[in-house]
Structures are given as structure tokens and as C-alpha cells.
Protein backbone atom coordinates (compact mmCIF):
# COMPACT_ATOMS: atom_id res chain seq x y z
CA MET A 1 23.18 -28.85 -5.13
CA SER A 2 21.16 -25.81 -4.21
CA SER A 3 19.34 -25.97 -0.94
CA SER A 4 16.05 -24.27 -0.07
CA LYS A 5 18.02 -21.54 1.75
CA ASP A 6 19.59 -20.46 -1.56
CA ASN A 7 16.19 -19.89 -3.13
CA LYS A 8 14.55 -16.64 -2.09
CA VAL A 9 10.77 -16.55 -2.21
CA CYS A 10 8.33 -13.65 -2.17
CA LYS A 11 7.45 -12.71 1.42
CA ASN A 12 3.74 -12.38 0.57
CA LYS A 13 2.09 -15.40 2.19
CA LYS A 14 -0.38 -15.77 -0.68
CA CYS A 15 2.25 -15.50 -3.43
CA GLN A 16 5.44 -17.40 -2.49
CA LYS A 17 6.97 -17.07 -6.00
CA ILE A 18 10.62 -18.00 -6.27
CA LEU A 19 12.69 -14.85 -6.82
CA PRO A 20 15.64 -14.79 -9.23
CA ALA A 21 19.19 -14.98 -7.89
CA GLY A 22 20.48 -11.54 -6.94
CA TYR A 23 17.00 -10.00 -6.67
CA LYS A 24 17.29 -7.14 -4.17
CA TYR A 25 13.68 -6.91 -2.97
CA LYS A 26 11.78 -9.15 -0.53
CA TYR A 27 8.60 -9.16 -2.65
CA CYS A 28 8.12 -10.06 -6.32
CA GLU A 29 7.36 -7.32 -8.85
CA ALA A 30 3.62 -8.11 -8.93
CA CYS A 31 3.28 -7.90 -5.13
CA ARG A 32 5.33 -4.69 -4.99
CA THR A 33 3.12 -3.08 -7.64
CA GLN A 34 -0.07 -4.15 -5.86
CA HIS A 35 1.23 -2.81 -2.53
CA ALA A 36 2.10 0.55 -4.11
CA TYR A 37 -1.37 0.79 -5.71
CA THR A 38 -3.10 -0.01 -2.40
CA ALA A 39 -0.96 2.49 -0.49
CA LYS A 40 -1.75 5.18 -3.07
CA LYS A 41 -5.50 4.57 -2.67
CA VAL A 42 -5.27 4.68 1.13
CA ILE A 43 -3.29 7.92 1.13
CA LYS A 44 -5.76 9.47 -1.30
CA GLY A 45 -8.69 8.47 0.96
CA VAL A 46 -7.00 9.74 4.10
CA GLY A 47 -6.18 13.02 2.36
CA SER A 48 -9.77 13.69 1.38
CA GLY A 49 -10.94 12.84 4.90
CA ALA A 50 -8.38 15.20 6.40
CA ALA A 51 -9.46 17.97 4.01
CA SER A 52 -13.07 17.55 5.12
CA LEU A 53 -12.00 17.76 8.75
CA VAL A 54 -10.03 20.96 8.10
CA VAL A 55 -13.05 22.59 6.42
CA LEU A 56 -15.25 21.57 9.34
CA ILE A 57 -12.82 23.03 11.88
CA VAL A 58 -12.26 26.28 9.94
CA THR A 59 -15.98 26.92 9.43
CA ARG A 60 -16.77 25.79 12.99
CA GLY A 61 -19.53 23.54 11.68
CA LYS A 62 -21.59 26.35 10.13
CA ILE A 63 -21.65 24.69 6.71
CA LYS A 64 -23.95 21.68 6.71
CA PRO A 65 -23.87 19.56 3.54
CA GLY A 66 -27.18 18.29 2.26
CA LYS A 67 -29.34 21.34 2.95
């Protein structure tokens, strides 16, 4: 007699897959992979934006792209 408390489910509201017994993560493998991919893309985008800002500050705005 296993109750619903014994069954762990993925914390992603759109997923809700039942996780195996003894699984140590809150999210299923697919959701964890997707989250890592999204975080990697965000960090990459923020990094390129920060690099552009550094160039702008160092050159004091003397370089104007598009000319």
C-alpha cells in the first residue's frame, strides 16, 4: 500500500513525471538537462553583453560600430 507521499514527482509543473525510489534530485533527468542547457545559453549571452560593455567603457565610446 504505497500512498501518494511515497511517490516523488518531478518538481517541474509541466512535467510531473514519477521519479524512481531513491532518486536524489527534485527534477527528472530530462528537466535537469533542459535547465542546464538554458542556463548555459543565458550565461553565454550575458557574457557577450558584458564584454561589449567593457569595450565601450575602455574606449570611452570612441569606437562606433556600423561606420
